[in-house]
Amino acid sequence: MPFSRIYEQIILKKQQRQRLFAVLLDPDNLTTAACEQLIELSHTYSIDYFLVGGSLITTQNQAPLISLLKQQSQIPVILFPSSSLHIDLQADGILLLSLISGRNPDFLIGQHVIAAPLLKASKLQILPTGYILVDSGQPTTASYMSGSMPLPRDKPNIAASTALAGELLGLHLMFLDAGSGAKNPVPAALIQAVQQAVEVPLIVGGGLNTAQKVVAALEAGADMIVIGNEIEKNPDFISTVAVAVNQFNSATLSNSY
């Protein structure tokens, strides 16, 4: 499978040691007005990607949300699906998530088999992604809906070996996720262990609700950070994260000369 333009951009940024910022939009939790506010903020503050999806989608809001994003923004829209039911061909790409931290065959390969013919025929940019749930200190929707146990947060070697297995199987991205509304983010030591174990880009999300936590994830080796729940509660948090990412990237560029 040829690499997609989105993936090539992620690889380029990784080579340049520049971090990326993605905003995760849950269709169940956003009104049209709230989405328009986020789009307006994205015109001022640098956002690299909009991810759209969630572990449990109970409304018909996803398609109108993606349509609005495509009409009013130039930022690529990437699906973050919980099942094959949530594939929307309006989007630019899809994180084809394989839940490699669990042993539920439906989320390892089952949903992918169902989706494969549709994805092959579509123009979506496919991003094969090893999805790794990490214990956040409390149950999350993702762990409940997937019927899988998160990896222990104090065992970085397990996460590193899991990610390495995913890379050797050919997955193009790794996604460490503490889950939506996580009590605690993915520990820096665990992020660092995974970053050192694999060469593919590393995405980190869940529980990043302060600038300090965002910076800690960036310094530990996250190539892309994903913020969702906190932005739903406080849209202006976009500016906090964007400034933190830009400052980190500027410092990296300065140190390279």
C-alpha atoms as a PDB file:
ATOM      1  CA  MET A   1       0.000   0.000   0.000  1.00  0.00           C
ATOM      2  CA  PRO A   2       1.534   3.372  -1.003  1.00  0.00           C
ATOM      3  CA  PHE A   3       2.014   5.912   1.750  1.00  0.00           C
ATOM      4  CA  SER A   4      -0.644   8.610   1.992  1.00  0.00           C
ATOM      5  CA  ARG A   5       0.042  12.342   1.832  1.00  0.00           C
ATOM      6  CA  ILE A   6      -0.994  12.679   5.471  1.00  0.00           C
ATOM      7  CA  TYR A   7       1.418   9.964   6.534  1.00  0.00           C
ATOM      8  CA  GLU A   8       4.222  11.494   4.495  1.00  0.00           C
ATOM      9  CA  GLN A   9       3.624  14.799   6.270  1.00  0.00           C
ATOM     10  CA  ILE A  10       3.739  13.093   9.675  1.00  0.00           C
ATOM     11  CA  ILE A  11       6.995  11.362   8.727  1.00  0.00           C
ATOM     12  CA  LEU A  12       8.510  14.639   7.494  1.00  0.00           C
ATOM     13  CA  LYS A  13       7.620  16.400  10.743  1.00  0.00           C
ATOM     14  CA  LYS A  14       9.142  13.548  12.734  1.00  0.00           C
ATOM     15  CA  GLN A  15      12.365  13.787  10.741  1.00  0.00           C
ATOM     16  CA  GLN A  16      12.416  17.517  11.452  1.00  0.00           C
ATOM     17  CA  ARG A  17      11.740  16.799  15.154  1.00  0.00           C
ATOM     18  CA  GLN A  18       8.611  18.951  14.948  1.00  0.00           C
ATOM     19  CA  ARG A  19       5.571  17.931  16.994  1.00  0.00           C
ATOM     20  CA  LEU A  20       1.976  17.875  15.716  1.00  0.00           C
ATOM     21  CA  PHE A  21      -1.302  18.876  17.372  1.00  0.00           C
ATOM     22  CA  ALA A  22      -4.609  17.117  16.643  1.00  0.00           C
ATOM     23  CA  VAL A  23      -8.023  17.988  18.054  1.00  0.00           C
ATOM     24  CA  LEU A  24     -10.367  15.055  18.638  1.00  0.00           C
ATOM     25  CA  LEU A  25     -14.037  15.841  18.034  1.00  0.00           C
ATOM     26  CA  ASP A  26     -16.682  13.496  19.428  1.00  0.00           C
ATOM     27  CA  PRO A  27     -19.856  13.864  17.303  1.00  0.00           C
ATOM     28  CA  ASP A  28     -22.047  13.096  20.306  1.00  0.00           C
ATOM     29  CA  ASN A  29     -20.631  15.986  22.328  1.00  0.00           C
ATOM     30  CA  LEU A  30     -20.524  18.851  19.821  1.00  0.00           C
ATOM     31  CA  THR A  31     -23.241  21.219  18.649  1.00  0.00           C
ATOM     32  CA  THR A  32     -22.915  23.055  15.350  1.00  0.00           C
ATOM     33  CA  ALA A  33     -22.185  26.280  17.217  1.00  0.00           C
ATOM     34  CA  ALA A  34     -19.462  24.623  19.293  1.00  0.00           C
ATOM     35  CA  CYS A  35     -17.865  23.161  16.170  1.00  0.00           C
ATOM     36  CA  GLU A  36     -17.924  26.541  14.433  1.00  0.00           C
ATOM     37  CA  GLN A  37     -16.206  28.056  17.475  1.00  0.00           C
ATOM     38  CA  LEU A  38     -13.437  25.455  17.265  1.00  0.00           C
ATOM     39  CA  ILE A  39     -13.024  26.091  13.544  1.00  0.00           C
ATOM     40  CA  GLU A  40     -12.745  29.811  14.234  1.00  0.00           C
ATOM     41  CA  LEU A  41     -10.070  29.169  16.849  1.00  0.00           C
ATOM     42  CA  SER A  42      -8.204  26.978  14.348  1.00  0.00           C
ATOM     43  CA  HIS A  43      -7.884  30.015  12.069  1.00  0.00           C
ATOM     44  CA  THR A  44      -5.876  31.736  14.809  1.00  0.00           C
ATOM     45  CA  TYR A  45      -4.035  28.865  16.463  1.00  0.00           C
ATOM     46  CA  SER A  46      -2.124  26.159  14.637  1.00  0.00           C
ATOM     47  CA  ILE A  47      -3.939  22.806  14.503  1.00  0.00           C
ATOM     48  CA  ASP A  48      -2.566  20.113  12.231  1.00  0.00           C
ATOM     49  CA  TYR A  49      -5.484  17.664  12.129  1.00  0.00           C
ATOM     50  CA  PHE A  50      -9.067  17.203  13.184  1.00  0.00           C
ATOM     51  CA  LEU A  51      -9.795  13.665  14.352  1.00  0.00           C
ATOM     52  CA  VAL A  52     -13.489  12.756  14.342  1.00  0.00           C
ATOM     53  CA  GLY A  53     -14.969   9.822  16.231  1.00  0.00           C
ATOM     54  CA  GLY A  54     -15.317   8.208  19.622  1.00  0.00           C
ATOM     55  CA  SER A  55     -15.597   4.906  21.444  1.00  0.00           C
ATOM     56  CA  LEU A  56     -19.395   5.134  21.530  1.00  0.00           C
ATOM     57  CA  ILE A  57     -21.348   7.129  18.942  1.00  0.00           C
ATOM     58  CA  THR A  58     -25.097   7.204  19.559  1.00  0.00           C
ATOM     59  CA  THR A  59     -26.231  10.078  17.300  1.00  0.00           C
ATOM     60  CA  GLN A  60     -26.300  10.877  13.579  1.00  0.00           C
ATOM     61  CA  ASN A  61     -24.098  13.944  14.060  1.00  0.00           C
ATOM     62  CA  GLN A  62     -20.874  12.645  12.524  1.00  0.00           C
ATOM     63  CA  ALA A  63     -21.694  13.246   8.856  1.00  0.00           C
ATOM     64  CA  PRO A  64     -22.932  16.848   9.362  1.00  0.00           C
ATOM     65  CA  LEU A  65     -19.909  17.554  11.569  1.00  0.00           C
ATOM     66  CA  ILE A  66     -17.450  16.369   8.921  1.00  0.00           C
ATOM     67  CA  SER A  67     -19.335  18.267   6.232  1.00  0.00           C
ATOM     68  CA  LEU A  68     -19.048  21.459   8.298  1.00  0.00           C
ATOM     69  CA  LEU A  69     -15.332  20.929   8.848  1.00  0.00           C
ATOM     70  CA  LYS A  70     -14.748  20.388   5.132  1.00  0.00           C
ATOM     71  CA  GLN A  71     -16.740  23.486   4.204  1.00  0.00           C
ATOM     72  CA  GLN A  72     -15.190  25.899   6.694  1.00  0.00           C
ATOM     73  CA  SER A  73     -11.641  24.608   7.234  1.00  0.00           C
ATOM     74  CA  GLN A  74      -8.622  23.486   5.228  1.00  0.00           C
ATOM     75  CA  ILE A  75      -7.333  21.281   8.071  1.00  0.00           C
ATOM     76  CA  PRO A  76      -7.317  17.568   7.138  1.00  0.00           C
ATOM     77  CA  VAL A  77     -10.104  15.511   8.718  1.00  0.00           C
ATOM     78  CA  ILE A  78      -9.111  12.037   9.896  1.00  0.00           C
ATOM     79  CA  LEU A  79     -11.604   9.435  11.101  1.00  0.00           C
ATOM     80  CA  PHE A  80     -11.034   7.929  14.553  1.00  0.00           C
ATOM     81  CA  PRO A  81     -13.568   5.086  14.247  1.00  0.00           C
ATOM     82  CA  SER A  82     -14.794   2.642  16.858  1.00  0.00           C
ATOM     83  CA  SER A  83     -16.301   0.330  14.241  1.00  0.00           C
ATOM     84  CA  SER A  84     -16.816  -0.116  10.508  1.00  0.00           C
ATOM     85  CA  LEU A  85     -20.208   1.580  10.911  1.00  0.00           C
ATOM     86  CA  HIS A  86     -18.496   4.930  11.382  1.00  0.00           C
ATOM     87  CA  ILE A  87     -16.608   5.169   8.101  1.00  0.00           C
ATOM     88  CA  ASP A  88     -17.464   8.428   6.344  1.00  0.00           C
ATOM     89  CA  LEU A  89     -16.106   8.985   2.844  1.00  0.00           C
ATOM     90  CA  GLN A  90     -16.212  12.778   3.234  1.00  0.00           C
ATOM     91  CA  ALA A  91     -13.104  12.640   5.416  1.00  0.00           C
ATOM     92  CA  ASP A  92      -9.539  12.884   4.148  1.00  0.00           C
ATOM     93  CA  GLY A  93      -8.143   9.885   5.985  1.00  0.00           C
ATOM     94  CA  ILE A  94      -8.753   7.207   8.578  1.00  0.00           C
ATOM     95  CA  LEU A  95      -6.768   5.834  11.479  1.00  0.00           C
ATOM     96  CA  LEU A  96      -7.229   2.128  10.782  1.00  0.00           C
ATOM     97  CA  LEU A  97      -6.928   1.161  14.432  1.00  0.00           C
ATOM     98  CA  SER A  98      -5.830  -2.286  15.531  1.00  0.00           C
ATOM     99  CA  LEU A  99      -6.209  -2.619  19.303  1.00  0.00           C
ATOM    100  CA  ILE A 100      -2.907  -4.385  19.897  1.00  0.00           C
ATOM    101  CA  SER A 101      -2.991  -3.864  23.663  1.00  0.00           C
ATOM    102  CA  GLY A 102      -6.047  -6.145  23.906  1.00  0.00           C
ATOM    103  CA  ARG A 103      -6.979  -9.636  22.815  1.00  0.00           C
ATOM    104  CA  ASN A 104     -10.446  -8.945  21.424  1.00  0.00           C
ATOM    105  CA  PRO A 105     -10.285 -10.287  17.834  1.00  0.00           C
ATOM    106  CA  ASP A 106     -13.055  -7.958  16.686  1.00  0.00           C
ATOM    107  CA  PHE A 107     -10.866  -4.917  17.331  1.00  0.00           C
ATOM    108  CA  LEU A 108      -7.624  -6.597  16.303  1.00  0.00           C
ATOM    109  CA  ILE A 109      -8.841  -7.644  12.835  1.00  0.00           C
ATOM    110  CA  GLY A 110     -12.593  -8.364  12.762  1.00  0.00           C
ATOM    111  CA  GLN A 111     -13.911  -4.865  12.045  1.00  0.00           C
ATOM    112  CA  HIS A 112     -11.095  -4.387   9.546  1.00  0.00           C
ATOM    113  CA  VAL A 113     -12.235  -7.365   7.459  1.00  0.00           C
ATOM    114  CA  ILE A 114     -15.712  -5.855   7.212  1.00  0.00           C
ATOM    115  CA  ALA A 115     -14.363  -2.435   6.302  1.00  0.00           C
ATOM    116  CA  ALA A 116     -11.609  -3.495   3.893  1.00  0.00           C
ATOM    117  CA  PRO A 117     -13.618  -3.573   0.596  1.00  0.00           C
ATOM    118  CA  LEU A 118     -15.159  -0.169   1.305  1.00  0.00           C
ATOM    119  CA  LEU A 119     -11.814   1.352   2.277  1.00  0.00           C
ATOM    120  CA  LYS A 120     -10.087  -0.109  -0.787  1.00  0.00           C
ATOM    121  CA  ALA A 121     -12.674   1.449  -3.086  1.00  0.00           C
ATOM    122  CA  SER A 122     -12.628   4.799  -1.290  1.00  0.00           C
ATOM    123  CA  LYS A 123     -10.322   7.791  -1.637  1.00  0.00           C
ATOM    124  CA  LEU A 124      -9.615   7.840   2.094  1.00  0.00           C
ATOM    125  CA  GLN A 125      -5.949   7.959   3.033  1.00  0.00           C
ATOM    126  CA  ILE A 126      -5.397   4.826   5.130  1.00  0.00           C
ATOM    127  CA  LEU A 127      -3.225   5.133   8.240  1.00  0.00           C
ATOM    128  CA  PRO A 128      -2.657   1.646   9.783  1.00  0.00           C
ATOM    129  CA  THR A 129      -2.305   2.343  13.491  1.00  0.00           C
ATOM    130  CA  GLY A 130      -1.412   0.240  16.500  1.00  0.00           C
ATOM    131  CA  TYR A 131      -3.822   1.361  19.203  1.00  0.00           C
ATOM    132  CA  ILE A 132      -2.586   0.855  22.763  1.00  0.00           C
ATOM    133  CA  LEU A 133      -4.821   1.603  25.740  1.00  0.00           C
ATOM    134  CA  VAL A 134      -2.953   2.535  28.924  1.00  0.00           C
ATOM    135  CA  ASP A 135      -4.433   2.427  32.424  1.00  0.00           C
ATOM    136  CA  SER A 136      -5.471   5.924  33.482  1.00  0.00           C
ATOM    137  CA  GLY A 137      -6.528   5.160  37.048  1.00  0.00           C
ATOM    138  CA  GLN A 138     -10.186   4.587  36.232  1.00  0.00           C
ATOM    139  CA  PRO A 139     -12.276   2.706  33.651  1.00  0.00           C
ATOM    140  CA  THR A 140     -12.780   4.524  30.334  1.00  0.00           C
ATOM    141  CA  THR A 141     -15.364   4.199  27.583  1.00  0.00           C
ATOM    142  CA  ALA A 142     -12.691   2.823  25.263  1.00  0.00           C
ATOM    143  CA  SER A 143     -11.723  -0.033  27.571  1.00  0.00           C
ATOM    144  CA  TYR A 144     -15.353  -0.854  28.384  1.00  0.00           C
ATOM    145  CA  MET A 145     -16.590  -0.819  24.779  1.00  0.00           C
ATOM    146  CA  SER A 146     -13.609  -2.815  23.504  1.00  0.00           C
ATOM    147  CA  GLY A 147     -13.811  -5.348  26.324  1.00  0.00           C
ATOM    148  CA  SER A 148     -10.061  -5.101  26.807  1.00  0.00           C
ATOM    149  CA  MET A 149      -7.808  -4.464  29.774  1.00  0.00           C
ATOM    150  CA  PRO A 150      -5.490  -1.446  29.446  1.00  0.00           C
ATOM    151  CA  LEU A 151      -1.764  -1.953  29.810  1.00  0.00           C
ATOM    152  CA  PRO A 152      -0.408  -1.211  33.309  1.00  0.00           C
ATOM    153  CA  ARG A 153       0.911   2.335  33.507  1.00  0.00           C
ATOM    154  CA  ASP A 154       3.920   1.308  35.600  1.00  0.00           C
ATOM    155  CA  LYS A 155       5.217  -1.315  33.120  1.00  0.00           C
ATOM    156  CA  PRO A 156       6.876   0.620  30.267  1.00  0.00           C
ATOM    157  CA  ASN A 157       8.588  -2.532  28.986  1.00  0.00           C
ATOM    158  CA  ILE A 158       5.214  -4.160  28.238  1.00  0.00           C
ATOM    159  CA  ALA A 159       4.097  -1.115  26.251  1.00  0.00           C
ATOM    160  CA  ALA A 160       7.427  -0.964  24.421  1.00  0.00           C
ATOM    161  CA  SER A 161       7.281  -4.644  23.439  1.00  0.00           C
ATOM    162  CA  THR A 162       3.650  -4.281  22.354  1.00  0.00           C
ATOM    163  CA  ALA A 163       4.463  -1.308  20.149  1.00  0.00           C
ATOM    164  CA  LEU A 164       7.520  -3.068  18.715  1.00  0.00           C
ATOM    165  CA  ALA A 165       5.379  -6.076  17.793  1.00  0.00           C
ATOM    166  CA  GLY A 166       2.947  -3.757  16.040  1.00  0.00           C
ATOM    167  CA  GLU A 167       5.752  -2.095  14.122  1.00  0.00           C
ATOM    168  CA  LEU A 168       7.183  -5.456  13.050  1.00  0.00           C
ATOM    169  CA  LEU A 169       3.717  -6.447  11.840  1.00  0.00           C
ATOM    170  CA  GLY A 170       3.792  -3.435   9.532  1.00  0.00           C
ATOM    171  CA  LEU A 171       1.670  -0.842  11.336  1.00  0.00           C
ATOM    172  CA  HIS A 172       2.649   2.702  10.348  1.00  0.00           C
ATOM    173  CA  LEU A 173       1.713   4.601  13.532  1.00  0.00           C
ATOM    174  CA  MET A 174       1.456   3.899  17.263  1.00  0.00           C
ATOM    175  CA  PHE A 175      -1.220   5.526  19.397  1.00  0.00           C
ATOM    176  CA  LEU A 176      -0.873   5.490  23.192  1.00  0.00           C
ATOM    177  CA  ASP A 177      -4.232   6.455  24.688  1.00  0.00           C
ATOM    178  CA  ALA A 178      -5.253   6.854  28.308  1.00  0.00           C
ATOM    179  CA  GLY A 179      -8.854   7.297  27.114  1.00  0.00           C
ATOM    180  CA  SER A 180     -11.314  10.162  26.932  1.00  0.00           C
ATOM    181  CA  GLY A 181     -11.573  12.076  30.201  1.00  0.00           C
ATOM    182  CA  ALA A 182      -8.743  10.043  31.692  1.00  0.00           C
ATOM    183  CA  LYS A 183      -7.892  10.666  35.336  1.00  0.00           C
ATOM    184  CA  ASN A 184      -4.175  10.472  34.519  1.00  0.00           C
ATOM    185  CA  PRO A 185      -2.336  10.829  31.185  1.00  0.00           C
ATOM    186  CA  VAL A 186       0.067   8.259  29.775  1.00  0.00           C
ATOM    187  CA  PRO A 187       3.196   8.446  31.985  1.00  0.00           C
ATOM    188  CA  ALA A 188       6.263  10.119  30.489  1.00  0.00           C
ATOM    189  CA  ALA A 189       8.416   7.071  31.232  1.00  0.00           C
ATOM    190  CA  LEU A 190       6.056   4.855  29.228  1.00  0.00           C
ATOM    191  CA  ILE A 191       5.981   7.301  26.296  1.00  0.00           C
ATOM    192  CA  GLN A 192       9.765   7.439  26.321  1.00  0.00           C
ATOM    193  CA  ALA A 193      10.087   3.652  26.402  1.00  0.00           C
ATOM    194  CA  VAL A 194       7.808   3.245  23.375  1.00  0.00           C
ATOM    195  CA  GLN A 195       9.503   6.094  21.502  1.00  0.00           C
ATOM    196  CA  GLN A 196      12.861   4.418  21.979  1.00  0.00           C
ATOM    197  CA  ALA A 197      11.538   0.994  20.951  1.00  0.00           C
ATOM    198  CA  VAL A 198       9.999   1.926  17.592  1.00  0.00           C
ATOM    199  CA  GLU A 199      10.835   4.064  14.586  1.00  0.00           C
ATOM    200  CA  VAL A 200       7.272   4.825  13.493  1.00  0.00           C
ATOM    201  CA  PRO A 201       5.608   8.079  14.613  1.00  0.00           C
ATOM    202  CA  LEU A 202       4.025   8.051  18.060  1.00  0.00           C
ATOM    203  CA  ILE A 203       0.634   9.596  18.881  1.00  0.00           C
ATOM    204  CA  VAL A 204      -0.334  10.245  22.508  1.00  0.00           C
ATOM    205  CA  GLY A 205      -3.745  11.207  23.886  1.00  0.00           C
ATOM    206  CA  GLY A 206      -5.962  11.078  26.943  1.00  0.00           C
ATOM    207  CA  GLY A 207      -5.767  13.116  30.133  1.00  0.00           C
ATOM    208  CA  LEU A 208      -3.690  15.954  28.667  1.00  0.00           C
ATOM    209  CA  ASN A 209      -5.660  18.697  30.379  1.00  0.00           C
ATOM    210  CA  THR A 210      -2.892  21.135  31.415  1.00  0.00           C
ATOM    211  CA  ALA A 211      -0.018  22.802  29.618  1.00  0.00           C
ATOM    212  CA  GLN A 212       2.415  20.996  31.922  1.00  0.00           C
ATOM    213  CA  LYS A 213       1.051  17.577  30.929  1.00  0.00           C
ATOM    214  CA  VAL A 214       1.199  18.505  27.258  1.00  0.00           C
ATOM    215  CA  VAL A 215       4.833  19.602  27.537  1.00  0.00           C
ATOM    216  CA  ALA A 216       5.710  16.431  29.468  1.00  0.00           C
ATOM    217  CA  ALA A 217       4.275  14.280  26.655  1.00  0.00           C
ATOM    218  CA  LEU A 218       6.158  16.281  24.017  1.00  0.00           C
ATOM    219  CA  GLU A 219       9.441  16.061  25.888  1.00  0.00           C
ATOM    220  CA  ALA A 220       8.972  12.316  26.419  1.00  0.00           C
ATOM    221  CA  GLY A 221       8.783  11.745  22.666  1.00  0.00           C
ATOM    222  CA  ALA A 222       5.191  12.107  21.448  1.00  0.00           C
ATOM    223  CA  ASP A 223       5.269  13.052  17.757  1.00  0.00           C
ATOM    224  CA  MET A 224       1.605  14.045  17.846  1.00  0.00           C
ATOM    225  CA  ILE A 225      -0.605  14.908  20.791  1.00  0.00           C
ATOM    226  CA  VAL A 226      -4.378  14.539  20.713  1.00  0.00           C
ATOM    227  CA  ILE A 227      -6.658  16.684  22.862  1.00  0.00           C
ATOM    228  CA  GLY A 228     -10.402  16.090  23.022  1.00  0.00           C
ATOM    229  CA  ASN A 229     -12.292  16.115  26.301  1.00  0.00           C
ATOM    230  CA  GLU A 230     -10.646  19.229  27.745  1.00  0.00           C
ATOM    231  CA  ILE A 231     -11.330  21.228  24.585  1.00  0.00           C
ATOM    232  CA  GLU A 232     -14.986  20.189  24.713  1.00  0.00           C
ATOM    233  CA  LYS A 233     -15.172  21.696  28.200  1.00  0.00           C
ATOM    234  CA  ASN A 234     -12.941  24.675  27.488  1.00  0.00           C
ATOM    235  CA  PRO A 235     -12.480  25.536  23.778  1.00  0.00           C
ATOM    236  CA  ASP A 236      -9.871  28.184  24.617  1.00  0.00           C
ATOM    237  CA  PHE A 237      -7.584  25.363  25.759  1.00  0.00           C
ATOM    238  CA  ILE A 238      -6.727  25.118  22.051  1.00  0.00           C
ATOM    239  CA  SER A 239      -4.652  28.272  22.440  1.00  0.00           C
ATOM    240  CA  THR A 240      -2.826  26.846  25.465  1.00  0.00           C
ATOM    241  CA  VAL A 241      -1.881  23.675  23.613  1.00  0.00           C
ATOM    242  CA  ALA A 242      -0.998  25.418  20.351  1.00  0.00           C
ATOM    243  CA  VAL A 243       1.333  27.820  22.174  1.00  0.00           C
ATOM    244  CA  ALA A 244       2.999  24.936  24.041  1.00  0.00           C
ATOM    245  CA  VAL A 245       3.544  22.965  20.823  1.00  0.00           C
ATOM    246  CA  ASN A 246       4.827  26.010  18.936  1.00  0.00           C
ATOM    247  CA  GLN A 247       7.247  26.890  21.726  1.00  0.00           C
ATOM    248  CA  PHE A 248       8.538  23.326  21.810  1.00  0.00           C
ATOM    249  CA  ASN A 249       9.002  23.294  18.029  1.00  0.00           C
ATOM    250  CA  SER A 250      10.724  26.686  18.033  1.00  0.00           C
ATOM    251  CA  ALA A 251      13.128  25.559  20.743  1.00  0.00           C
ATOM    252  CA  THR A 252      13.896  22.381  18.775  1.00  0.00           C
ATOM    253  CA  LEU A 253      14.666  24.412  15.655  1.00  0.00           C
ATOM    254  CA  SER A 254      16.907  26.792  17.622  1.00  0.00           C
ATOM    255  CA  ASN A 255      18.843  23.897  19.132  1.00  0.00           C
ATOM    256  CA  SER A 256      19.424  22.362  15.695  1.00  0.00           C
ATOM    257  CA  TYR A 257      21.532  25.301  14.544  1.00  0.00           C
END
